[in-house]
Amino acid sequence: MKLHFSRNPNPRLAVAVAKYLGADIEFHFAAPRDPSRAGDYLHLNPNLLLPILEVSPRPIWETDAVACFLSRQVGSQFWRTDADEPEMIRWISWGKDNFVKACDTVHWERGTKLRYGLGPYDAAAVAEGLERFHTAAQLLEAELANRTWLVGDAVSYADFRMGTFLPFNDIARLPIKDYPAVSRWYRRMEAIEAWRDPFAGTTAPELPPVPS
């Protein structure tokens, strides 16, 4: 199996999952949006987005699908397949439409747009993203006040998905510290080596710097 990835948030998540699961994978840094390279990836993902898991009988794209496949491949309950599966999927779904989306909105303006020269900074979008972040973080704070992980007693893909953009918080500057339970949860995430440094042992170049 080959996992085509970059250092951006969703590909990073896929690499972290693969490393956490100890999957037998070749990691290949990729740039499918480079016009000179697009033809190399179009047959793998018509969207030309990463990550892409190159596996028989057909490639798998979209991070959640890659995580599901790899967890099943190694026989792990990281992607729950028992009675906790609906709870896990609930958090994945809610997170992507709420907490993760809010983090993405702010990171896009403060990080990605500036990093890649994709347009001017939109202060109104940041304000809206921060408002949505606080609304979602308040719910997470209440949920995590008396539990260690989002689902059951062990880390699951729901935790990884919820934290998608938090490794980039040096740029996004989201006020995580305003929420003690969320902060404790994320410190537990950072104690997981595969999450903290998923690119160890790969040859992935660093992301372009964000202009000051």
Protein backbone atom coordinates (compact mmCIF):
# COMPACT_ATOMS: atom_id res chain seq x y z
CA MET A 1 0.00 0.00 0.00
CA LYS A 2 1.10 3.54 -0.75
CA LEU A 3 -0.17 6.63 1.05
CA HIS A 4 0.23 9.80 -0.98
CA PHE A 5 0.32 12.75 1.39
CA SER A 6 1.45 16.28 2.12
CA ARG A 7 1.93 18.25 5.35
CA ASN A 8 -1.46 19.96 5.09
CA PRO A 9 -4.15 19.20 7.71
CA ASN A 10 -6.15 16.32 6.21
CA PRO A 11 -3.15 14.48 4.72
CA ARG A 12 -1.36 14.96 8.04
CA LEU A 13 -4.32 13.33 9.76
CA ALA A 14 -4.13 10.32 7.44
CA VAL A 15 -0.40 9.90 8.08
CA ALA A 16 -0.97 10.13 11.84
CA VAL A 17 -3.63 7.42 11.62
CA ALA A 18 -1.37 5.14 9.59
CA LYS A 19 1.53 5.66 12.02
CA TYR A 20 -0.67 5.15 15.08
CA LEU A 21 -2.05 1.89 13.66
CA GLY A 22 1.38 0.65 12.61
CA ALA A 23 0.04 -0.05 9.12
CA ASP A 24 2.46 -1.56 6.59
CA ILE A 25 2.56 1.40 4.23
CA GLU A 26 4.90 3.25 1.91
CA PHE A 27 4.64 7.00 2.42
CA HIS A 28 4.94 9.12 -0.72
CA PHE A 29 5.01 12.90 -0.59
CA ALA A 30 2.77 14.18 -3.39
CA ALA A 31 1.73 17.42 -5.08
CA PRO A 32 -1.25 16.56 -7.31
CA ARG A 33 -2.27 20.23 -7.65
CA ASP A 34 1.06 21.02 -9.32
CA PRO A 35 0.01 21.39 -13.00
CA SER A 36 3.11 19.51 -14.09
CA ARG A 37 2.20 16.55 -11.86
CA ALA A 38 -1.59 16.44 -12.06
CA GLY A 39 -1.54 13.73 -14.72
CA ASP A 40 0.25 11.39 -12.32
CA TYR A 41 -2.65 11.48 -9.85
CA LEU A 42 -5.82 12.01 -11.86
CA HIS A 43 -6.42 8.26 -12.15
CA LEU A 44 -6.02 7.92 -8.38
CA ASN A 45 -8.32 10.77 -7.32
CA PRO A 46 -10.29 12.83 -9.86
CA ASN A 47 -10.43 15.65 -7.27
CA LEU A 48 -6.62 15.88 -7.22
CA LEU A 49 -6.73 16.11 -3.44
CA LEU A 50 -4.74 14.33 -0.75
CA PRO A 51 -4.58 11.91 0.98
CA ILE A 52 -4.80 9.03 -1.47
CA LEU A 53 -4.31 5.43 -0.39
CA GLU A 54 -3.11 3.44 -3.39
CA VAL A 55 -4.44 -0.06 -2.77
CA SER A 56 -6.03 -2.88 -4.77
CA PRO A 57 -8.60 -3.14 -6.28
CA ARG A 58 -9.03 0.66 -6.40
CA PRO A 59 -7.51 3.68 -4.66
CA ILE A 60 -9.19 5.16 -1.60
CA TRP A 61 -9.46 8.91 -1.21
CA GLU A 62 -10.96 11.07 1.52
CA THR A 63 -9.32 10.96 4.94
CA ASP A 64 -12.17 9.31 6.83
CA ALA A 65 -12.38 6.48 4.29
CA VAL A 66 -8.62 5.95 4.49
CA ALA A 67 -8.79 5.81 8.30
CA CYS A 68 -11.67 3.33 8.22
CA PHE A 69 -9.87 1.06 5.74
CA LEU A 70 -6.55 1.08 7.61
CA SER A 71 -8.17 0.40 10.97
CA ARG A 72 -10.03 -2.59 9.56
CA GLN A 73 -6.90 -3.72 7.71
CA VAL A 74 -4.93 -4.06 10.95
CA GLY A 75 -7.87 -5.33 13.01
CA SER A 76 -8.04 -2.31 15.33
CA GLN A 77 -10.97 -0.81 17.20
CA PHE A 78 -9.48 2.64 16.60
CA TRP A 79 -12.29 2.92 14.06
CA ARG A 80 -15.01 1.44 16.21
CA THR A 81 -16.96 -1.47 14.73
CA ASP A 82 -18.84 -2.42 17.90
CA ALA A 83 -21.73 -0.76 19.72
CA ASP A 84 -19.67 2.44 20.00
CA GLU A 85 -19.54 2.96 16.22
CA PRO A 86 -22.63 5.23 16.05
CA GLU A 87 -21.19 7.41 18.83
CA MET A 88 -17.88 7.68 16.99
CA ILE A 89 -19.60 8.58 13.72
CA ARG A 90 -21.73 11.15 15.53
CA TRP A 91 -18.61 12.96 16.75
CA ILE A 92 -16.95 12.75 13.33
CA SER A 93 -20.03 14.21 11.68
CA TRP A 94 -20.64 16.88 14.31
CA GLY A 95 -16.98 17.83 14.44
CA LYS A 96 -16.64 18.34 10.69
CA ASP A 97 -19.70 20.62 10.62
CA ASN A 98 -18.90 22.48 13.84
CA PHE A 99 -15.61 22.37 15.77
CA VAL A 100 -13.37 21.24 12.91
CA LYS A 101 -15.10 23.59 10.46
CA ALA A 102 -14.62 26.54 12.79
CA CYS A 103 -10.93 25.69 13.22
CA ASP A 104 -10.60 25.33 9.45
CA THR A 105 -12.20 28.74 8.82
CA VAL A 106 -9.74 30.54 11.10
CA HIS A 107 -6.72 28.53 9.94
CA TRP A 108 -7.63 29.20 6.30
CA GLU A 109 -7.51 32.95 6.84
CA ARG A 110 -4.56 33.13 9.23
CA GLY A 111 -2.55 30.32 7.68
CA THR A 112 -3.39 28.74 4.34
CA LYS A 113 -4.35 31.87 2.38
CA LEU A 114 -1.23 33.72 3.49
CA ARG A 115 1.02 30.67 3.15
CA TYR A 116 0.05 30.11 -0.48
CA GLY A 117 -0.88 33.65 -1.54
CA LEU A 118 -4.55 32.80 -2.09
CA GLY A 119 -6.02 36.22 -1.44
CA PRO A 120 -6.34 38.94 1.19
CA TYR A 121 -6.98 38.29 4.86
CA ASP A 122 -10.71 38.40 5.69
CA ALA A 123 -11.19 39.69 9.23
CA ALA A 124 -14.96 39.13 9.08
CA ALA A 125 -14.44 35.45 8.23
CA VAL A 126 -12.05 35.09 11.17
CA ALA A 127 -14.58 36.71 13.51
CA GLU A 128 -17.29 34.34 12.29
CA GLY A 129 -14.95 31.37 12.64
CA LEU A 130 -14.02 32.35 16.19
CA GLU A 131 -17.67 32.73 17.13
CA ARG A 132 -18.40 29.26 15.80
CA PHE A 133 -15.29 27.95 17.57
CA HIS A 134 -16.48 29.22 20.95
CA THR A 135 -19.94 27.74 20.44
CA ALA A 136 -18.51 24.34 19.55
CA ALA A 137 -15.77 24.44 22.19
CA GLN A 138 -18.33 25.09 24.91
CA LEU A 139 -20.14 21.91 23.97
CA LEU A 140 -16.89 19.94 23.83
CA GLU A 141 -15.84 21.37 27.18
CA ALA A 142 -18.98 20.03 28.83
CA GLU A 143 -18.59 16.63 27.16
CA LEU A 144 -14.91 16.25 28.06
CA ALA A 145 -15.20 17.52 31.63
CA ASN A 146 -15.72 14.00 32.98
CA ARG A 147 -14.20 11.79 30.33
CA THR A 148 -10.77 11.12 28.87
CA TRP A 149 -11.69 10.51 25.24
CA LEU A 150 -14.72 11.24 23.09
CA VAL A 151 -15.78 7.60 22.74
CA GLY A 152 -15.42 5.04 25.52
CA ASP A 153 -12.21 4.67 27.49
CA ALA A 154 -9.68 4.71 24.66
CA VAL A 155 -8.65 7.05 21.89
CA SER A 156 -10.58 6.62 18.64
CA TYR A 157 -10.63 8.14 15.20
CA ALA A 158 -13.21 10.62 16.53
CA ASP A 159 -10.46 12.20 18.66
CA PHE A 160 -8.04 12.35 15.75
CA ARG A 161 -10.66 13.87 13.44
CA MET A 162 -11.72 16.44 16.04
CA GLY A 163 -8.11 17.55 16.41
CA THR A 164 -7.40 17.90 12.68
CA PHE A 165 -6.38 21.58 12.76
CA LEU A 166 -4.99 21.86 16.27
CA PRO A 167 -1.39 20.95 15.32
CA PHE A 168 -1.46 24.19 13.31
CA ASN A 169 -2.63 26.35 16.18
CA ASP A 170 0.65 28.24 16.33
CA ILE A 171 -0.67 29.91 13.17
CA ALA A 172 -4.45 29.82 13.77
CA ARG A 173 -4.14 31.07 17.37
CA LEU A 174 -7.45 29.57 18.47
CA PRO A 175 -8.12 30.19 22.20
CA ILE A 176 -7.95 26.54 23.27
CA LYS A 177 -6.61 27.57 26.68
CA ASP A 178 -9.97 29.14 27.47
CA TYR A 179 -11.34 25.59 27.77
CA PRO A 180 -9.53 23.51 30.44
CA ALA A 181 -11.14 20.15 29.63
CA VAL A 182 -10.53 20.57 25.90
CA SER A 183 -6.94 21.57 26.67
CA ARG A 184 -6.40 18.48 28.83
CA TRP A 185 -7.86 16.29 26.09
CA TYR A 186 -5.56 17.80 23.51
CA ARG A 187 -2.51 17.38 25.73
CA ARG A 188 -3.38 13.67 25.83
CA MET A 189 -3.47 13.73 22.04
CA GLU A 190 -0.04 15.35 21.89
CA ALA A 191 1.34 12.61 24.15
CA ILE A 192 0.68 10.14 21.31
CA GLU A 193 3.89 10.06 19.28
CA ALA A 194 2.15 9.30 15.98
CA TRP A 195 -0.02 12.37 16.44
CA ARG A 196 2.71 14.66 17.71
CA ASP A 197 5.20 13.90 14.91
CA PRO A 198 3.57 11.86 12.13
CA PHE A 199 6.20 12.83 9.57
CA ALA A 200 9.12 11.30 11.46
CA GLY A 201 11.06 9.11 9.05
CA THR A 202 9.49 10.61 5.93
CA THR A 203 11.07 12.97 3.43
CA ALA A 204 8.22 15.49 3.39
CA PRO A 205 9.44 19.07 2.89
CA GLU A 206 8.26 21.67 5.36
CA LEU A 207 5.23 23.81 4.55
CA PRO A 208 6.00 27.26 3.12
CA PRO A 209 6.29 29.86 5.89
CA VAL A 210 3.40 32.19 6.67
CA PRO A 211 4.48 35.79 5.99
CA SER A 212 4.54 37.92 9.12
